[in-house]
Amino acid sequence: MIRTEIFLNGMSVGLNKTTKTILLKAVKIPASSGIVTSDMLIQDGKISEIAAVHAEKSPDSTKIINAAGAFLLPGFVDVHTNGAAGFDATWG
Protein backbone atom coordinates (compact mmCIF):
# COMPACT_ATOMS: atom_id res chain seq x y z
CA MET A 1 0.00 0.00 0.00
CA ILE A 2 1.31 3.46 -0.87
CA ARG A 3 1.05 5.88 2.04
CA THR A 4 1.40 9.62 2.23
CA GLU A 5 2.15 11.40 5.47
CA ILE A 6 1.10 14.89 6.44
CA PHE A 7 2.84 16.36 9.47
CA LEU A 8 1.08 19.14 11.34
CA ASN A 9 2.91 20.24 14.50
CA GLY A 10 3.90 16.70 15.39
CA MET A 11 0.55 15.25 14.32
CA SER A 12 1.06 12.65 11.61
CA VAL A 13 -1.93 11.78 9.47
CA GLY A 14 -1.58 8.67 7.32
CA LEU A 15 -3.46 8.62 4.06
CA ASN A 16 -3.97 5.60 1.87
CA LYS A 17 -3.85 5.41 -1.91
CA THR A 18 -7.63 5.78 -2.26
CA THR A 19 -7.65 9.19 -0.54
CA LYS A 20 -7.82 11.54 -3.52
CA THR A 21 -8.94 14.76 -1.81
CA ILE A 22 -7.87 16.18 1.55
CA LEU A 23 -9.22 19.32 3.19
CA LEU A 24 -7.11 20.85 5.98
CA LYS A 25 -9.35 23.18 7.97
CA ALA A 26 -7.94 26.31 9.70
CA VAL A 27 -4.26 25.43 9.22
CA LYS A 28 -1.57 28.07 9.81
CA ILE A 29 0.50 28.63 6.67
CA PRO A 30 3.68 30.74 6.49
CA ALA A 31 3.39 33.30 3.70
CA SER A 32 5.42 36.32 2.60
CA SER A 33 2.96 38.56 4.46
CA GLY A 34 3.21 36.55 7.70
CA ILE A 35 1.33 33.59 9.14
CA VAL A 36 -2.03 33.05 7.42
CA THR A 37 -4.80 30.87 8.86
CA SER A 38 -6.74 29.30 6.02
CA ASP A 39 -8.08 26.07 4.59
CA MET A 40 -6.01 24.05 2.15
CA LEU A 41 -7.55 21.71 -0.40
CA ILE A 42 -5.27 18.99 -1.76
CA GLN A 43 -6.45 17.01 -4.80
CA ASP A 44 -4.51 14.11 -6.34
CA GLY A 45 -1.47 14.96 -4.21
CA LYS A 46 -1.31 18.61 -5.31
CA ILE A 47 -2.41 21.79 -3.57
CA SER A 48 -5.43 23.00 -5.52
CA GLU A 49 -6.73 25.82 -3.32
CA ILE A 50 -5.70 27.88 -0.31
CA ALA A 51 -8.77 29.78 0.86
CA ALA A 52 -11.88 29.32 2.93
CA VAL A 53 -13.14 26.02 1.52
CA HIS A 54 -16.54 24.81 2.59
CA ALA A 55 -16.77 21.08 3.25
CA GLU A 56 -20.05 20.87 1.36
CA LYS A 57 -18.21 21.94 -1.84
CA SER A 58 -15.80 19.02 -1.52
CA PRO A 59 -16.38 15.54 -2.97
CA ASP A 60 -17.97 12.97 -0.62
CA SER A 61 -14.70 11.02 -0.42
CA THR A 62 -12.78 14.04 0.93
CA LYS A 63 -10.81 13.41 4.11
CA ILE A 64 -11.42 16.47 6.31
CA ILE A 65 -8.77 17.21 8.93
CA ASN A 66 -9.33 19.82 11.62
CA ALA A 67 -5.87 21.42 11.71
CA ALA A 68 -6.80 24.38 13.92
CA GLY A 69 -3.69 25.72 15.62
CA ALA A 70 -1.30 23.52 13.61
CA PHE A 71 1.37 24.86 11.24
CA LEU A 72 1.81 23.47 7.74
CA LEU A 73 5.46 23.65 6.69
CA PRO A 74 7.31 22.50 3.59
CA GLY A 75 9.29 19.28 3.87
CA PHE A 76 12.78 20.01 5.11
CA VAL A 77 15.38 17.51 3.96
CA ASP A 78 18.91 17.50 5.36
CA VAL A 79 21.17 16.13 2.63
CA HIS A 80 24.39 16.91 4.48
CA THR A 81 26.72 13.93 5.00
CA ASN A 82 30.17 13.49 6.45
CA GLY A 83 32.74 10.85 5.71
CA ALA A 84 33.81 8.42 8.42
CA ALA A 85 37.34 7.52 9.51
CA GLY A 86 38.86 9.98 7.03
CA PHE A 87 36.93 8.76 3.97
CA ASP A 88 34.86 11.06 1.82
CA ALA A 89 31.38 9.55 1.57
CA THR A 90 30.64 11.50 -1.62
CA TRP A 91 33.22 9.70 -3.74
CA GLY A 92 31.93 6.75 -5.76
PDB file of N, CA and C in Angstrom:
ATOM      1  N   MET A   1       0.844  -1.169   0.000  1.00  0.00           N
ATOM      2  CA  MET A   1       0.000   0.000   0.000  1.00  0.00           C
ATOM      3  C   MET A   1       0.894   1.238   0.000  1.00  0.00           C
ATOM      4  N   ILE A   2       0.583   2.194  -0.834  1.00  0.00           N
ATOM      5  CA  ILE A   2       1.306   3.460  -0.872  1.00  0.00           C
ATOM      6  C   ILE A   2       0.688   4.376   0.172  1.00  0.00           C
ATOM      7  N   ARG A   3       1.548   4.974   1.002  1.00  0.00           N
ATOM      8  CA  ARG A   3       1.053   5.876   2.037  1.00  0.00           C
ATOM      9  C   ARG A   3       1.683   7.253   1.880  1.00  0.00           C
ATOM     10  N   THR A   4       0.922   8.249   2.200  1.00  0.00           N
ATOM     11  CA  THR A   4       1.400   9.620   2.226  1.00  0.00           C
ATOM     12  C   THR A   4       1.257  10.104   3.652  1.00  0.00           C
ATOM     13  N   GLU A   5       2.214  10.868   4.118  1.00  0.00           N
ATOM     14  CA  GLU A   5       2.146  11.397   5.474  1.00  0.00           C
ATOM     15  C   GLU A   5       2.040  12.911   5.426  1.00  0.00           C
ATOM     16  N   ILE A   6       1.203  13.448   6.259  1.00  0.00           N
ATOM     17  CA  ILE A   6       1.103  14.886   6.436  1.00  0.00           C
ATOM     18  C   ILE A   6       1.453  15.158   7.890  1.00  0.00           C
ATOM     19  N   PHE A   7       2.417  16.031   8.116  1.00  0.00           N
ATOM     20  CA  PHE A   7       2.836  16.357   9.468  1.00  0.00           C
ATOM     21  C   PHE A   7       2.365  17.757   9.815  1.00  0.00           C
ATOM     22  N   LEU A   8       1.587  17.866  10.864  1.00  0.00           N
ATOM     23  CA  LEU A   8       1.081  19.141  11.335  1.00  0.00           C
ATOM     24  C   LEU A   8       1.448  19.271  12.807  1.00  0.00           C
ATOM     25  N   ASN A   9       2.489  20.044  13.113  1.00  0.00           N
ATOM     26  CA  ASN A   9       2.912  20.238  14.505  1.00  0.00           C
ATOM     27  C   ASN A   9       3.026  18.925  15.262  1.00  0.00           C
ATOM     28  N   GLY A  10       3.710  17.968  14.704  1.00  0.00           N
ATOM     29  CA  GLY A  10       3.902  16.698  15.387  1.00  0.00           C
ATOM     30  C   GLY A  10       2.747  15.729  15.224  1.00  0.00           C
ATOM     31  N   MET A  11       1.681  16.132  14.548  1.00  0.00           N
ATOM     32  CA  MET A  11       0.548  15.247  14.315  1.00  0.00           C
ATOM     33  C   MET A  11       0.737  14.630  12.937  1.00  0.00           C
ATOM     34  N   SER A  12       0.873  13.339  12.881  1.00  0.00           N
ATOM     35  CA  SER A  12       1.063  12.653  11.611  1.00  0.00           C
ATOM     36  C   SER A  12      -0.258  12.030  11.192  1.00  0.00           C
ATOM     37  N   VAL A  13      -0.676  12.318   9.979  1.00  0.00           N
ATOM     38  CA  VAL A  13      -1.933  11.784   9.470  1.00  0.00           C
ATOM     39  C   VAL A  13      -1.614  10.898   8.280  1.00  0.00           C
ATOM     40  N   GLY A  14      -1.836   9.594   8.412  1.00  0.00           N
ATOM     41  CA  GLY A  14      -1.580   8.666   7.317  1.00  0.00           C
ATOM     42  C   GLY A  14      -2.750   8.650   6.351  1.00  0.00           C
ATOM     43  N   LEU A  15      -2.431   8.636   5.087  1.00  0.00           N
ATOM     44  CA  LEU A  15      -3.461   8.624   4.058  1.00  0.00           C
ATOM     45  C   LEU A  15      -3.178   7.480   3.107  1.00  0.00           C
ATOM     46  N   ASN A  16      -4.200   6.718   2.780  1.00  0.00           N
ATOM     47  CA  ASN A  16      -3.968   5.595   1.874  1.00  0.00           C
ATOM     48  C   ASN A  16      -4.144   6.029   0.423  1.00  0.00           C
ATOM     49  N   LYS A  17      -3.855   5.113  -0.473  1.00  0.00           N
ATOM     50  CA  LYS A  17      -3.852   5.414  -1.909  1.00  0.00           C
ATOM     51  C   LYS A  17      -5.221   5.856  -2.424  1.00  0.00           C
ATOM     52  N   THR A  18      -6.295   5.430  -1.777  1.00  0.00           N
ATOM     53  CA  THR A  18      -7.631   5.776  -2.258  1.00  0.00           C
ATOM     54  C   THR A  18      -8.054   7.183  -1.855  1.00  0.00           C
ATOM     55  N   THR A  19      -7.315   7.825  -0.939  1.00  0.00           N
ATOM     56  CA  THR A  19      -7.646   9.188  -0.539  1.00  0.00           C
ATOM     57  C   THR A  19      -7.195  10.134  -1.643  1.00  0.00           C
ATOM     58  N   LYS A  20      -8.142  10.676  -2.381  1.00  0.00           N
ATOM     59  CA  LYS A  20      -7.819  11.544  -3.515  1.00  0.00           C
ATOM     60  C   LYS A  20      -7.878  13.022  -3.142  1.00  0.00           C
ATOM     61  N   THR A  21      -8.745  13.372  -2.180  1.00  0.00           N
ATOM     62  CA  THR A  21      -8.936  14.764  -1.813  1.00  0.00           C
ATOM     63  C   THR A  21      -8.848  14.915  -0.301  1.00  0.00           C
ATOM     64  N   ILE A  22      -8.061  15.911   0.134  1.00  0.00           N
ATOM     65  CA  ILE A  22      -7.871  16.182   1.552  1.00  0.00           C
ATOM     66  C   ILE A  22      -8.176  17.655   1.783  1.00  0.00           C
ATOM     67  N   LEU A  23      -8.921  17.943   2.824  1.00  0.00           N
ATOM     68  CA  LEU A  23      -9.222  19.320   3.195  1.00  0.00           C
ATOM     69  C   LEU A  23      -8.672  19.566   4.589  1.00  0.00           C
ATOM     70  N   LEU A  24      -7.674  20.447   4.687  1.00  0.00           N
ATOM     71  CA  LEU A  24      -7.114  20.846   5.977  1.00  0.00           C
ATOM     72  C   LEU A  24      -7.834  22.116   6.402  1.00  0.00           C
ATOM     73  N   LYS A  25      -8.563  22.045   7.503  1.00  0.00           N
ATOM     74  CA  LYS A  25      -9.351  23.179   7.975  1.00  0.00           C
ATOM     75  C   LYS A  25      -8.551  24.011   8.965  1.00  0.00           C
ATOM     76  N   ALA A  26      -8.514  25.331   8.773  1.00  0.00           N
ATOM     77  CA  ALA A  26      -7.937  26.311   9.697  1.00  0.00           C
ATOM     78  C   ALA A  26      -6.475  26.049  10.021  1.00  0.00           C
ATOM     79  N   VAL A  27      -5.683  25.687   9.024  1.00  0.00           N
ATOM     80  CA  VAL A  27      -4.257  25.432   9.223  1.00  0.00           C
ATOM     81  C   VAL A  27      -3.491  26.754   9.105  1.00  0.00           C
ATOM     82  N   LYS A  28      -2.416  26.878   9.883  1.00  0.00           N
ATOM     83  CA  LYS A  28      -1.567  28.072   9.811  1.00  0.00           C
ATOM     84  C   LYS A  28      -0.497  27.835   8.750  1.00  0.00           C
ATOM     85  N   ILE A  29      -0.404  28.772   7.803  1.00  0.00           N
ATOM     86  CA  ILE A  29       0.504  28.627   6.667  1.00  0.00           C
ATOM     87  C   ILE A  29       1.441  29.833   6.624  1.00  0.00           C
ATOM     88  N   PRO A  30       2.773  29.601   6.623  1.00  0.00           N
ATOM     89  CA  PRO A  30       3.685  30.738   6.490  1.00  0.00           C
ATOM     90  C   PRO A  30       3.616  31.313   5.074  1.00  0.00           C
ATOM     91  N   ALA A  31       3.461  32.618   4.994  1.00  0.00           N
ATOM     92  CA  ALA A  31       3.395  33.302   3.697  1.00  0.00           C
ATOM     93  C   ALA A  31       4.310  34.522   3.755  1.00  0.00           C
ATOM     94  N   SER A  32       4.542  35.150   2.628  1.00  0.00           N
ATOM     95  CA  SER A  32       5.422  36.320   2.595  1.00  0.00           C
ATOM     96  C   SER A  32       4.879  37.466   3.446  1.00  0.00           C
ATOM     97  N   SER A  33       3.575  37.503   3.656  1.00  0.00           N
ATOM     98  CA  SER A  33       2.956  38.564   4.457  1.00  0.00           C
ATOM     99  C   SER A  33       2.874  38.208   5.939  1.00  0.00           C
ATOM    100  N   GLY A  34       3.293  37.010   6.307  1.00  0.00           N
ATOM    101  CA  GLY A  34       3.209  36.549   7.695  1.00  0.00           C
ATOM    102  C   GLY A  34       2.498  35.211   7.769  1.00  0.00           C
ATOM    103  N   ILE A  35       2.041  34.851   8.949  1.00  0.00           N
ATOM    104  CA  ILE A  35       1.326  33.587   9.141  1.00  0.00           C
ATOM    105  C   ILE A  35      -0.140  33.793   8.780  1.00  0.00           C
ATOM    106  N   VAL A  36      -0.646  32.968   7.886  1.00  0.00           N
ATOM    107  CA  VAL A  36      -2.029  33.045   7.425  1.00  0.00           C
ATOM    108  C   VAL A  36      -2.771  31.809   7.913  1.00  0.00           C
ATOM    109  N   THR A  37      -3.951  32.005   8.485  1.00  0.00           N
ATOM    110  CA  THR A  37      -4.797  30.873   8.860  1.00  0.00           C
ATOM    111  C   THR A  37      -5.841  30.705   7.771  1.00  0.00           C
ATOM    112  N   SER A  38      -5.851  29.524   7.154  1.00  0.00           N
ATOM    113  CA  SER A  38      -6.738  29.296   6.025  1.00  0.00           C
ATOM    114  C   SER A  38      -7.010  27.803   5.886  1.00  0.00           C
ATOM    115  N   ASP A  39      -7.854  27.464   4.951  1.00  0.00           N
ATOM    116  CA  ASP A  39      -8.081  26.067   4.594  1.00  0.00           C
ATOM    117  C   ASP A  39      -7.200  25.743   3.397  1.00  0.00           C
ATOM    118  N   MET A  40      -6.800  24.489   3.306  1.00  0.00           N
ATOM    119  CA  MET A  40      -6.013  24.052   2.153  1.00  0.00           C
ATOM    120  C   MET A  40      -6.665  22.803   1.575  1.00  0.00           C
ATOM    121  N   LEU A  41      -6.964  22.849   0.293  1.00  0.00           N
ATOM    122  CA  LEU A  41      -7.546  21.713  -0.405  1.00  0.00           C
ATOM    123  C   LEU A  41      -6.460  21.053  -1.240  1.00  0.00           C
ATOM    124  N   ILE A  42      -6.276  19.758  -1.032  1.00  0.00           N
ATOM    125  CA  ILE A  42      -5.273  18.986  -1.764  1.00  0.00           C
ATOM    126  C   ILE A  42      -6.011  17.946  -2.590  1.00  0.00           C
ATOM    127  N   GLN A  43      -5.797  17.964  -3.904  1.00  0.00           N
ATOM    128  CA  GLN A  43      -6.448  17.010  -4.797  1.00  0.00           C
ATOM    129  C   GLN A  43      -5.393  16.281  -5.609  1.00  0.00           C
ATOM    130  N   ASP A  44      -5.468  14.959  -5.612  1.00  0.00           N
ATOM    131  CA  ASP A  44      -4.515  14.108  -6.338  1.00  0.00           C
ATOM    132  C   ASP A  44      -3.067  14.439  -5.980  1.00  0.00           C
ATOM    133  N   GLY A  45      -2.826  14.717  -4.691  1.00  0.00           N
ATOM    134  CA  GLY A  45      -1.474  14.960  -4.209  1.00  0.00           C
ATOM    135  C   GLY A  45      -0.930  16.345  -4.476  1.00  0.00           C
ATOM    136  N   LYS A  46      -1.764  17.253  -4.998  1.00  0.00           N
ATOM    137  CA  LYS A  46      -1.311  18.609  -5.307  1.00  0.00           C
ATOM    138  C   LYS A  46      -2.217  19.624  -4.629  1.00  0.00           C
ATOM    139  N   ILE A  47      -1.619  20.715  -4.166  1.00  0.00           N
ATOM    140  CA  ILE A  47      -2.411  21.788  -3.570  1.00  0.00           C
ATOM    141  C   ILE A  47      -3.248  22.419  -4.674  1.00  0.00           C
ATOM    142  N   SER A  48      -4.562  22.428  -4.492  1.00  0.00           N
ATOM    143  CA  SER A  48      -5.428  23.002  -5.524  1.00  0.00           C
ATOM    144  C   SER A  48      -6.039  24.327  -5.089  1.00  0.00           C
ATOM    145  N   GLU A  49      -6.120  24.564  -3.766  1.00  0.00           N
ATOM    146  CA  GLU A  49      -6.728  25.817  -3.317  1.00  0.00           C
ATOM    147  C   GLU A  49      -6.284  26.122  -1.895  1.00  0.00           C
ATOM    148  N   ILE A  50      -5.948  27.386  -1.656  1.00  0.00           N
ATOM    149  CA  ILE A  50      -5.697  27.876  -0.305  1.00  0.00           C
ATOM    150  C   ILE A  50      -6.658  29.032  -0.110  1.00  0.00           C
ATOM    151  N   ALA A  51      -7.715  28.792   0.638  1.00  0.00           N
ATOM    152  CA  ALA A  51      -8.770  29.777   0.861  1.00  0.00           C
ATOM    153  C   ALA A  51      -9.774  29.156   1.816  1.00  0.00           C
ATOM    154  N   ALA A  52     -10.800  29.900   2.132  1.00  0.00           N
ATOM    155  CA  ALA A  52     -11.876  29.320   2.931  1.00  0.00           C
ATOM    156  C   ALA A  52     -12.636  28.344   2.039  1.00  0.00           C
ATOM    157  N   VAL A  53     -12.499  27.067   2.320  1.00  0.00           N
ATOM    158  CA  VAL A  53     -13.140  26.024   1.516  1.00  0.00           C
ATOM    159  C   VAL A  53     -14.247  25.412   2.367  1.00  0.00           C
ATOM    160  N   HIS A  54     -15.429  25.389   1.845  1.00  0.00           N
ATOM    161  CA  HIS A  54     -16.539  24.809   2.588  1.00  0.00           C
ATOM    162  C   HIS A  54     -16.615  23.316   2.313  1.00  0.00           C
ATOM    163  N   ALA A  55     -16.755  22.536   3.377  1.00  0.00           N
ATOM    164  CA  ALA A  55     -16.769  21.076   3.251  1.00  0.00           C
ATOM    165  C   ALA A  55     -17.855  20.605   2.294  1.00  0.00           C
ATOM    166  N   GLU A  56     -18.966  21.310   2.241  1.00  0.00           N
ATOM    167  CA  GLU A  56     -20.053  20.871   1.360  1.00  0.00           C
ATOM    168  C   GLU A  56     -19.697  21.017  -0.118  1.00  0.00           C
ATOM    169  N   LYS A  57     -18.668  21.814  -0.453  1.00  0.00           N
ATOM    170  CA  LYS A  57     -18.212  21.942  -1.843  1.00  0.00           C
ATOM    171  C   LYS A  57     -17.289  20.795  -2.246  1.00  0.00           C
ATOM    172  N   SER A  58     -16.781  20.067  -1.265  1.00  0.00           N
ATOM    173  CA  SER A  58     -15.801  19.016  -1.525  1.00  0.00           C
ATOM    174  C   SER A  58     -16.489  17.711  -1.886  1.00  0.00           C
ATOM    175  N   PRO A  59     -15.807  16.854  -2.644  1.00  0.00           N
ATOM    176  CA  PRO A  59     -16.380  15.540  -2.968  1.00  0.00           C
ATOM    177  C   PRO A  59     -16.663  14.735  -1.699  1.00  0.00           C
ATOM    178  N   ASP A  60     -17.587  13.787  -1.779  1.00  0.00           N
ATOM    179  CA  ASP A  60     -17.966  12.969  -0.622  1.00  0.00           C
ATOM    180  C   ASP A  60     -16.793  12.194  -0.044  1.00  0.00           C
ATOM    181  N   SER A  61     -15.831  11.828  -0.880  1.00  0.00           N
ATOM    182  CA  SER A  61     -14.698  11.019  -0.424  1.00  0.00           C
ATOM    183  C   SER A  61     -13.586  11.856   0.213  1.00  0.00           C
ATOM    184  N   THR A  62     -13.806  13.154   0.373  1.00  0.00           N
ATOM    185  CA  THR A  62     -12.784  14.042   0.933  1.00  0.00           C
ATOM    186  C   THR A  62     -12.505  13.700   2.387  1.00  0.00           C
ATOM    187  N   LYS A  63     -11.214  13.587   2.715  1.00  0.00           N
ATOM    188  CA  LYS A  63     -10.814  13.409   4.109  1.00  0.00           C
ATOM    189  C   LYS A  63     -10.654  14.808   4.687  1.00  0.00           C
ATOM    190  N   ILE A  64     -11.466  15.150   5.688  1.00  0.00           N
ATOM    191  CA  ILE A  64     -11.423  16.469   6.305  1.00  0.00           C
ATOM    192  C   ILE A  64     -10.646  16.365   7.611  1.00  0.00           C
ATOM    193  N   ILE A  65      -9.621  17.213   7.745  1.00  0.00           N
ATOM    194  CA  ILE A  65      -8.767  17.207   8.929  1.00  0.00           C
ATOM    195  C   ILE A  65      -8.870  18.571   9.593  1.00  0.00           C
ATOM    196  N   ASN A  66      -9.287  18.584  10.856  1.00  0.00           N
ATOM    197  CA  ASN A  66      -9.328  19.824  11.616  1.00  0.00           C
ATOM    198  C   ASN A  66      -7.906  20.130  12.069  1.00  0.00           C
ATOM    199  N   ALA A  67      -7.270  21.088  11.430  1.00  0.00           N
ATOM    200  CA  ALA A  67      -5.873  21.416  11.710  1.00  0.00           C
ATOM    201  C   ALA A  67      -5.752  22.731  12.476  1.00  0.00           C
ATOM    202  N   ALA A  68      -6.802  23.116  13.186  1.00  0.00           N
ATOM    203  CA  ALA A  68      -6.800  24.383  13.920  1.00  0.00           C
ATOM    204  C   ALA A  68      -5.612  24.447  14.872  1.00  0.00           C
ATOM    205  N   GLY A  69      -4.839  25.517  14.751  1.00  0.00           N
ATOM    206  CA  GLY A  69      -3.688  25.718  15.619  1.00  0.00           C
ATOM    207  C   GLY A  69      -2.406  25.066  15.135  1.00  0.00           C
ATOM    208  N   ALA A  70      -2.484  24.214  14.129  1.00  0.00           N
ATOM    209  CA  ALA A  70      -1.301  23.521  13.613  1.00  0.00           C
ATOM    210  C   ALA A  70      -0.670  24.337  12.488  1.00  0.00           C
ATOM    211  N   PHE A  71       0.640  24.201  12.324  1.00  0.00           N
ATOM    212  CA  PHE A  71       1.368  24.864  11.241  1.00  0.00           C
ATOM    213  C   PHE A  71       1.635  23.860  10.130  1.00  0.00           C
ATOM    214  N   LEU A  72       1.467  24.287   8.896  1.00  0.00           N
ATOM    215  CA  LEU A  72       1.813  23.470   7.743  1.00  0.00           C
ATOM    216  C   LEU A  72       3.103  24.032   7.166  1.00  0.00           C
ATOM    217  N   LEU A  73       4.155  23.214   7.156  1.00  0.00           N
ATOM    218  CA  LEU A  73       5.463  23.655   6.689  1.00  0.00           C
ATOM    219  C   LEU A  73       5.924  22.780   5.540  1.00  0.00           C
ATOM    220  N   PRO A  74       6.772  23.327   4.666  1.00  0.00           N
ATOM    221  CA  PRO A  74       7.314  22.497   3.587  1.00  0.00           C
ATOM    222  C   PRO A  74       8.211  21.416   4.165  1.00  0.00           C
ATOM    223  N   GLY A  75       8.403  20.356   3.410  1.00  0.00           N
ATOM    224  CA  GLY A  75       9.287  19.283   3.871  1.00  0.00           C
ATOM    225  C   GLY A  75      10.726  19.756   3.875  1.00  0.00           C
ATOM    226  N   PHE A  76      11.376  19.631   5.005  1.00  0.00           N
ATOM    227  CA  PHE A  76      12.777  20.008   5.111  1.00  0.00           C
ATOM    228  C   PHE A  76      13.605  18.738   5.053  1.00  0.00           C
ATOM    229  N   VAL A  77      14.549  18.692   4.136  1.00  0.00           N
ATOM    230  CA  VAL A  77      15.377  17.505   3.957  1.00  0.00           C
ATOM    231  C   VAL A  77      16.827  17.902   4.169  1.00  0.00           C
ATOM    232  N   ASP A  78      17.498  17.236   5.098  1.00  0.00           N
ATOM    233  CA  ASP A  78      18.909  17.499   5.362  1.00  0.00           C
ATOM    234  C   ASP A  78      19.725  16.512   4.540  1.00  0.00           C
ATOM    235  N   VAL A  79      20.388  17.007   3.505  1.00  0.00           N
ATOM    236  CA  VAL A  79      21.169  16.128   2.631  1.00  0.00           C
ATOM    237  C   VAL A  79      22.656  16.182   2.955  1.00  0.00           C
ATOM    238  N   HIS A  80      22.994  16.792   4.074  1.00  0.00           N
ATOM    239  CA  HIS A  80      24.394  16.909   4.481  1.00  0.00           C
ATOM    240  C   HIS A  80      24.910  15.565   4.989  1.00  0.00           C
ATOM    241  N   THR A  81      26.081  15.156   4.507  1.00  0.00           N
ATOM    242  CA  THR A  81      26.715  13.929   4.999  1.00  0.00           C
ATOM    243  C   THR A  81      28.183  14.201   5.273  1.00  0.00           C
ATOM    244  N   ASN A  82      28.743  13.431   6.151  1.00  0.00           N
ATOM    245  CA  ASN A  82      30.171  13.493   6.451  1.00  0.00           C
ATOM    246  C   ASN A  82      30.774  12.124   6.204  1.00  0.00           C
ATOM    247  N   GLY A  83      32.035  12.113   5.844  1.00  0.00           N
ATOM    248  CA  GLY A  83      32.744  10.846   5.712  1.00  0.00           C
ATOM    249  C   GLY A  83      33.076  10.293   7.097  1.00  0.00           C
ATOM    250  N   ALA A  84      33.445   9.048   7.148  1.00  0.00           N
ATOM    251  CA  ALA A  84      33.807   8.416   8.417  1.00  0.00           C
ATOM    252  C   ALA A  84      35.236   7.916   8.328  1.00  0.00           C
ATOM    253  N   ALA A  85      35.967   8.024   9.408  1.00  0.00           N
ATOM    254  CA  ALA A  85      37.342   7.519   9.506  1.00  0.00           C
ATOM    255  C   ALA A  85      38.230   8.083   8.398  1.00  0.00           C
ATOM    256  N   GLY A  86      38.014   9.338   8.030  1.00  0.00           N
ATOM    257  CA  GLY A  86      38.860   9.976   7.035  1.00  0.00           C
ATOM    258  C   GLY A  86      38.455   9.750   5.590  1.00  0.00           C
ATOM    259  N   PHE A  87      37.382   9.012   5.339  1.00  0.00           N
ATOM    260  CA  PHE A  87      36.925   8.756   3.973  1.00  0.00           C
ATOM    261  C   PHE A  87      35.849   9.756   3.587  1.00  0.00           C
ATOM    262  N   ASP A  88      35.876  10.156   2.334  1.00  0.00           N
ATOM    263  CA  ASP A  88      34.861  11.062   1.816  1.00  0.00           C
ATOM    264  C   ASP A  88      33.699  10.223   1.299  1.00  0.00           C
ATOM    265  N   ALA A  89      32.540  10.358   1.928  1.00  0.00           N
ATOM    266  CA  ALA A  89      31.376   9.549   1.569  1.00  0.00           C
ATOM    267  C   ALA A  89      30.780   9.945   0.221  1.00  0.00           C
ATOM    268  N   THR A  90      31.215  11.067  -0.350  1.00  0.00           N
ATOM    269  CA  THR A  90      30.642  11.505  -1.623  1.00  0.00           C
ATOM    270  C   THR A  90      31.377  10.945  -2.829  1.00  0.00           C
ATOM    271  N   TRP A  91      32.491  10.288  -2.624  1.00  0.00           N
ATOM    272  CA  TRP A  91      33.225   9.698  -3.742  1.00  0.00           C
ATOM    273  C   TRP A  91      32.663   8.325  -4.049  1.00  0.00           C
ATOM    274  N   GLY A  92      32.485   8.021  -5.341  1.00  0.00           N
ATOM    275  CA  GLY A  92      31.927   6.748  -5.759  1.00  0.00           C
ATOM    276  C   GLY A  92      32.837   5.652  -5.474  1.00  0.00           C
TER     277      GLY A  92
END
